[in-house]
Protein backbone atom coordinates (compact mmCIF):
# COMPACT_ATOMS: atom_id res chain seq x y z
CA UNK A 1 12.47 -22.81 -1.53
CA UNK A 2 12.52 -24.01 2.07
CA UNK A 3 14.89 -22.61 4.66
CA UNK A 4 16.90 -25.85 4.44
CA UNK A 5 17.30 -25.37 0.68
CA UNK A 6 18.31 -21.75 1.16
CA UNK A 7 20.86 -22.76 3.79
CA UNK A 8 22.32 -25.48 1.56
CA UNK A 9 22.62 -23.13 -1.42
CA UNK A 10 24.10 -20.37 0.75
CA UNK A 11 26.91 -22.57 2.10
CA UNK A 12 27.44 -24.26 -1.26
CA UNK A 13 28.12 -20.87 -2.88
CA UNK A 14 30.04 -19.49 0.09
CA UNK A 15 32.14 -22.47 1.16
CA UNK A 16 31.51 -25.16 -1.48
CA UNK A 17 30.23 -27.37 1.35
CA UNK A 18 27.38 -27.60 3.85
CA UNK A 19 26.93 -25.66 7.10
CA UNK A 20 28.63 -28.33 9.21
CA UNK A 21 31.63 -28.45 6.90
CA UNK A 22 32.18 -24.69 6.60
CA UNK A 23 35.80 -24.10 7.68
CA UNK A 24 35.25 -20.49 8.72
CA UNK A 25 33.66 -19.85 12.13
CA UNK A 26 32.68 -16.33 11.01
CA UNK A 27 29.66 -17.78 9.16
CA UNK A 28 27.67 -19.98 11.59
CA UNK A 29 24.16 -21.12 10.79
CA UNK A 30 22.73 -18.77 13.43
CA UNK A 31 24.25 -15.78 11.65
CA UNK A 32 22.96 -17.00 8.29
CA UNK A 33 19.45 -17.33 9.74
CA UNK A 34 19.68 -13.86 11.28
CA UNK A 35 20.52 -12.44 7.84
CA UNK A 36 17.63 -14.37 6.28
CA UNK A 37 15.17 -13.14 8.91
CA UNK A 38 16.41 -9.60 8.35
CA UNK A 39 15.79 -9.98 4.62
CA UNK A 40 12.18 -11.10 5.16
CA UNK A 41 11.49 -8.17 7.51
CA UNK A 42 13.10 -5.75 5.06
CA UNK A 43 10.94 -7.06 2.19
CA UNK A 44 7.77 -6.86 4.28
CA UNK A 45 8.52 -3.27 5.34
CA UNK A 46 9.49 -1.98 1.89
CA UNK A 47 6.96 -3.88 -0.22
CA UNK A 48 4.01 -4.23 2.20
CA UNK A 49 3.38 -7.71 0.89
CA UNK A 50 1.60 -9.30 3.88
CA UNK A 51 -2.12 -8.38 4.14
CA UNK A 52 -4.24 -9.33 7.14
CA UNK A 53 -7.64 -8.52 8.62
CA UNK A 54 -8.67 -8.45 12.27
CA UNK A 55 -11.95 -7.88 14.11
CA UNK A 56 -12.00 -5.65 17.20
CA UNK A 57 -14.84 -5.60 19.71
CA UNK A 58 -16.11 -2.06 20.32
CA UNK A 59 -17.26 -0.70 23.70
CA UNK A 60 -19.68 2.21 23.86
CA UNK A 61 -17.97 5.40 25.02
CA UNK A 62 -14.44 4.12 24.25
CA UNK A 63 -12.72 5.82 21.34
CA UNK A 64 -9.36 4.03 21.08
CA UNK A 65 -8.48 0.35 20.67
CA UNK A 66 -5.25 -1.63 20.56
CA UNK A 67 -4.08 -2.70 17.13
CA UNK A 68 -2.88 -6.28 16.47
CA UNK A 69 0.71 -6.78 17.57
CA UNK A 70 1.87 -7.58 14.03
CA UNK A 71 0.19 -4.52 12.49
CA UNK A 72 2.66 -2.43 10.50
CA UNK A 73 0.34 -0.14 8.51
CA UNK A 74 -3.45 0.20 8.47
CA UNK A 75 -4.78 0.66 4.94
CA UNK A 76 -8.52 0.27 5.57
CA UNK A 77 -10.96 0.17 8.48
CA UNK A 78 -14.71 -0.36 8.68
CA UNK A 79 -17.34 -0.04 11.40
CA UNK A 80 -20.48 -2.18 11.24
CA UNK A 81 -19.65 -2.96 7.62
CA UNK A 82 -19.28 0.68 6.52
CA UNK A 83 -15.93 2.06 5.43
CA UNK A 84 -14.27 4.57 7.76
CA UNK A 85 -12.34 7.51 6.33
CA UNK A 86 -8.81 8.30 7.58
CA UNK A 87 -8.27 11.53 9.47
CA UNK A 88 -6.02 13.00 12.17
CA UNK A 89 -6.61 14.29 15.69
CA UNK A 90 -5.62 17.75 14.46
CA UNK A 91 -8.24 17.62 11.73
CA UNK A 92 -10.92 16.48 14.18
CA UNK A 93 -10.11 19.32 16.59
CA UNK A 94 -10.54 21.86 13.81
CA UNK A 95 -14.09 20.67 13.14
CA UNK A 96 -15.23 19.94 16.71
CA UNK A 97 -13.59 21.47 19.77
CA UNK A 98 -15.46 19.06 22.06
CA UNK A 99 -14.80 15.97 19.98
CA UNK A 100 -13.74 13.90 23.01
CA UNK A 101 -17.29 14.14 24.40
CA UNK A 102 -19.06 13.54 21.09
CA UNK A 103 -20.59 10.08 20.71
CA UNK A 104 -22.42 8.82 17.63
CA UNK A 105 -21.84 6.33 14.81
CA UNK A 106 -18.12 6.44 13.86
CA UNK A 107 -17.33 7.72 10.37
CA UNK A 108 -13.58 8.33 10.65
CA UNK A 109 -10.53 6.64 12.10
CA UNK A 110 -7.13 7.95 13.18
CA UNK A 111 -3.95 6.25 14.31
CA UNK A 112 -2.08 6.69 17.58
CA UNK A 113 1.27 5.27 16.52
CA UNK A 114 2.92 6.05 19.86
CA UNK A 115 0.54 3.71 21.70
CA UNK A 116 -0.08 1.39 18.72
CA UNK A 117 -3.82 2.10 18.76
CA UNK A 118 -6.61 3.03 16.37
CA UNK A 119 -9.12 5.72 17.30
CA UNK A 120 -12.71 6.24 16.12
CA UNK A 121 -14.56 9.51 15.53
CA UNK A 122 -17.22 10.11 16.60
CA UNK A 123 -16.70 7.95 19.68
CA UNK A 124 -18.96 4.88 19.35
CA UNK A 125 -22.32 5.26 21.05
CA UNK A 126 -23.06 1.51 20.88
CA UNK A 127 -21.08 -1.59 21.78
CA UNK A 128 -20.48 -4.60 19.57
CA UNK A 129 -23.55 -6.82 19.62
CA UNK A 130 -23.86 -10.59 19.39
CA UNK A 131 -26.68 -13.07 18.96
CA UNK A 132 -26.72 -15.99 21.38
CA UNK A 133 -27.04 -19.41 19.80
CA UNK A 134 -25.38 -21.85 22.17
CA UNK A 135 -24.51 -19.75 25.20
CA UNK A 136 -20.80 -19.95 24.52
CA UNK A 137 -18.97 -16.60 25.02
CA UNK A 138 -17.47 -16.62 21.54
CA UNK A 139 -18.26 -14.88 18.29
CA UNK A 140 -18.15 -16.49 14.87
CA UNK A 141 -16.79 -14.43 12.00
CA UNK A 142 -17.49 -15.70 8.49
CA UNK A 143 -14.57 -15.69 6.06
CA UNK A 144 -13.77 -16.92 2.58
CA UNK A 145 -12.42 -20.18 4.01
CA UNK A 146 -15.14 -20.76 6.60
CA UNK A 147 -14.44 -18.63 9.65
CA UNK A 148 -12.87 -18.43 13.06
CA UNK A 149 -13.93 -18.00 16.68
CA UNK A 150 -13.15 -14.88 18.67
CA UNK A 151 -13.51 -14.13 22.34
CA UNK A 152 -16.40 -11.64 22.53
CA UNK A 153 -14.55 -9.69 25.24
CA UNK A 154 -11.37 -8.88 23.33
CA UNK A 155 -11.73 -10.51 19.90
CA UNK A 156 -8.86 -12.91 20.59
CA UNK A 157 -8.88 -15.63 17.92
CA UNK A 158 -9.75 -19.03 19.39
CA UNK A 159 -9.04 -21.20 16.38
CA UNK A 160 -10.31 -22.18 12.93
CA UNK A 161 -13.64 -23.91 12.58
CA UNK A 162 -16.32 -24.58 9.95
CA UNK A 163 -19.71 -23.07 9.28
CA UNK A 164 -21.52 -25.70 11.35
CA UNK A 165 -20.14 -24.64 14.74
CA UNK A 166 -22.69 -23.17 17.16
CA UNK A 167 -21.52 -20.08 19.01
CA UNK A 168 -22.53 -16.49 19.77
CA UNK A 169 -22.45 -14.58 16.51
CA UNK A 170 -21.15 -11.01 16.26
CA UNK A 171 -24.12 -9.25 14.71
CA UNK A 172 -23.12 -5.60 14.50
CA UNK A 173 -21.04 -2.60 15.56
CA UNK A 174 -17.73 -4.40 15.14
CA UNK A 175 -14.52 -2.70 14.02
CA UNK A 176 -12.61 -4.45 11.23
CA UNK A 177 -9.03 -3.44 10.54
CA UNK A 178 -7.22 -4.31 7.29
CA UNK A 179 -3.47 -3.92 7.54
CA UNK A 180 -0.01 -4.76 6.27
CA UNK A 181 1.62 -7.11 8.76
CA UNK A 182 5.09 -7.76 10.00
CA UNK A 183 6.28 -11.29 9.18
CA UNK A 184 6.11 -13.92 11.88
CA UNK A 185 9.29 -15.08 13.58
CA UNK A 186 10.40 -18.06 11.46
CA UNK A 187 10.99 -21.51 12.91
CA UNK A 188 13.02 -22.43 9.79
CA UNK A 189 10.94 -25.55 9.19
CA UNK A 190 9.14 -24.22 6.09
CA UNK A 191 9.90 -21.37 3.73
CA UNK A 192 10.29 -17.59 4.09
CA UNK A 193 7.12 -15.56 4.55
CA UNK A 194 7.35 -13.96 1.08
CA UNK A 195 5.93 -14.98 -2.34
CA UNK A 196 7.41 -18.23 -3.62
CA UNK A 197 9.09 -16.60 -6.64
CA UNK A 198 10.80 -14.12 -4.28
CA UNK A 199 12.46 -16.77 -2.08
CA UNK A 200 15.82 -16.38 -3.92
CA UNK A 201 15.86 -12.74 -2.78
CA UNK A 202 16.41 -13.96 0.77
CA UNK A 203 19.42 -15.92 -0.45
CA UNK A 204 20.79 -12.86 -2.31
CA UNK A 205 20.49 -10.78 0.85
CA UNK A 206 22.31 -13.40 2.91
CA UNK A 207 25.14 -13.62 0.36
CA UNK A 208 25.36 -9.82 0.15
CA UNK A 209 25.86 -9.64 3.92
CA UNK A 210 28.31 -12.52 3.97
CA UNK A 211 30.57 -10.97 1.33
CA UNK A 212 30.20 -7.51 2.91
CA UNK A 213 31.05 -8.53 6.47
CA UNK A 214 34.59 -8.50 7.77
CA UNK A 215 36.08 -11.98 7.40
CA UNK A 216 38.16 -14.28 5.19
CA UNK A 217 35.60 -14.21 2.35
CA UNK A 218 35.05 -10.46 2.20
CA UNK A 219 34.65 -9.51 -1.47
CA UNK A 220 33.23 -6.13 -2.47
CA UNK A 221 32.52 -7.06 -6.08
CA UNK A 222 30.51 -10.14 -5.14
CA UNK A 223 28.72 -8.18 -2.42
CA UNK A 224 27.75 -5.52 -4.98
CA UNK A 225 26.58 -8.24 -7.40
CA UNK A 226 24.20 -9.85 -4.90
CA UNK A 227 23.09 -6.41 -3.63
CA UNK A 228 22.06 -5.53 -7.20
CA UNK A 229 20.11 -8.78 -7.56
CA UNK A 230 18.34 -8.12 -4.27
CA UNK A 231 17.52 -4.50 -5.24
CA UNK A 232 16.05 -5.74 -8.55
CA UNK A 233 13.78 -8.16 -6.68
CA UNK A 234 12.69 -5.49 -4.22
CA UNK A 235 11.68 -3.29 -7.14
CA UNK A 236 9.63 -6.13 -8.63
CA UNK A 237 7.83 -6.72 -5.35
CA UNK A 238 7.14 -3.02 -4.87
CA UNK A 239 5.61 -2.78 -8.36
CA UNK A 240 3.47 -5.83 -7.57
CA UNK A 241 2.13 -4.17 -4.40
CA UNK A 242 1.55 -0.85 -6.15
CA UNK A 243 -0.44 -2.47 -8.94
CA UNK A 244 -2.50 -4.38 -6.42
CA UNK A 245 -3.46 -1.13 -4.70
CA UNK A 246 -3.55 1.03 -7.83
CA UNK A 247 -7.28 0.94 -8.49
CA UNK A 248 -8.73 4.03 -6.81
CA UNK A 249 -12.19 5.48 -6.85
CA UNK A 250 -12.54 9.15 -5.90
CA UNK A 251 -15.63 9.79 -3.81
CA UNK A 252 -17.04 12.88 -2.12
CA UNK A 253 -17.48 12.93 1.64
CA UNK A 254 -18.78 15.79 3.77
CA UNK A 255 -16.24 17.24 6.19
CA UNK A 256 -17.94 19.26 8.92
CA UNK A 257 -18.76 22.84 7.92
CA UNK A 258 -15.84 23.19 5.52
CA UNK A 259 -17.58 21.76 2.45
CA UNK A 260 -16.37 18.57 0.83
CA UNK A 261 -13.04 16.90 0.14
CA UNK A 262 -11.94 14.12 -2.20
CA UNK A 263 -10.97 10.84 -0.53
CA UNK A 264 -9.11 8.03 -2.28
CA UNK A 265 -10.61 4.57 -1.85
CA UNK A 266 -7.51 2.32 -1.79
CA UNK A 267 -9.46 -0.93 -1.73
CA UNK A 268 -7.65 -3.86 -3.39
CA UNK A 269 -9.40 -6.27 -5.70
CA UNK A 270 -9.73 -8.94 -3.01
CA UNK A 271 -9.94 -8.69 0.75
CA UNK A 272 -8.05 -11.40 2.67
CA UNK A 273 -9.96 -13.76 4.91
CA UNK A 274 -9.51 -13.37 8.69
CA UNK A 275 -6.38 -15.05 10.03
């Protein structure tokens, strides 16, 4: 369903007309869109249905890097192609009192949610490297659908391209972050940023809010009906995400002088191409 189709169905159920003909000023199109946008953000937060991958350029001696603006939850990170294991600053301090001066090849990552950053431990001893091919200050990252260009200074995406483009190639020591993303702000020209079969859930959420809000059409029974439909869909989406991440492989990783611990490898069946 497109946003236009959702709008038409919403007003057809609510007012038996279109948005322009709705006789009640309590339900303008802007309010309907605000409810729809809220539904998409709620689905993305509860069901973690949007997966993305980003490449960060590493600088030797720098331990923390800004996460993408739309990053909601990091579920995997790798350095120079090797998986990093999640840890905390508290855990690092227990194993190495002078961890802030320790530089080597990173093996762990931690999150600084207050500053929206990801940290590496040990602190990288080497910067991201690139191989010059045309002299252009860009790196080319290969993906399932070709690849994209990034600024070698800050890994800012330049735009999509194909395999034949000549540019400086990132050759090593890069930090890749795999994460659940917040949905983009809709322009209401296409459809909601959720799976196609879940588009009616956005409509159910809008109707639930319309019948719950104070106004001439307030109806608790109808609000409860659409709330139940929305809750059913949320449960379906959550099960879909859980199954996608259900395959785990327990591996043993050394942890300082304290022996070994078991770490869950929550790697999904397919890794999304860079976007």
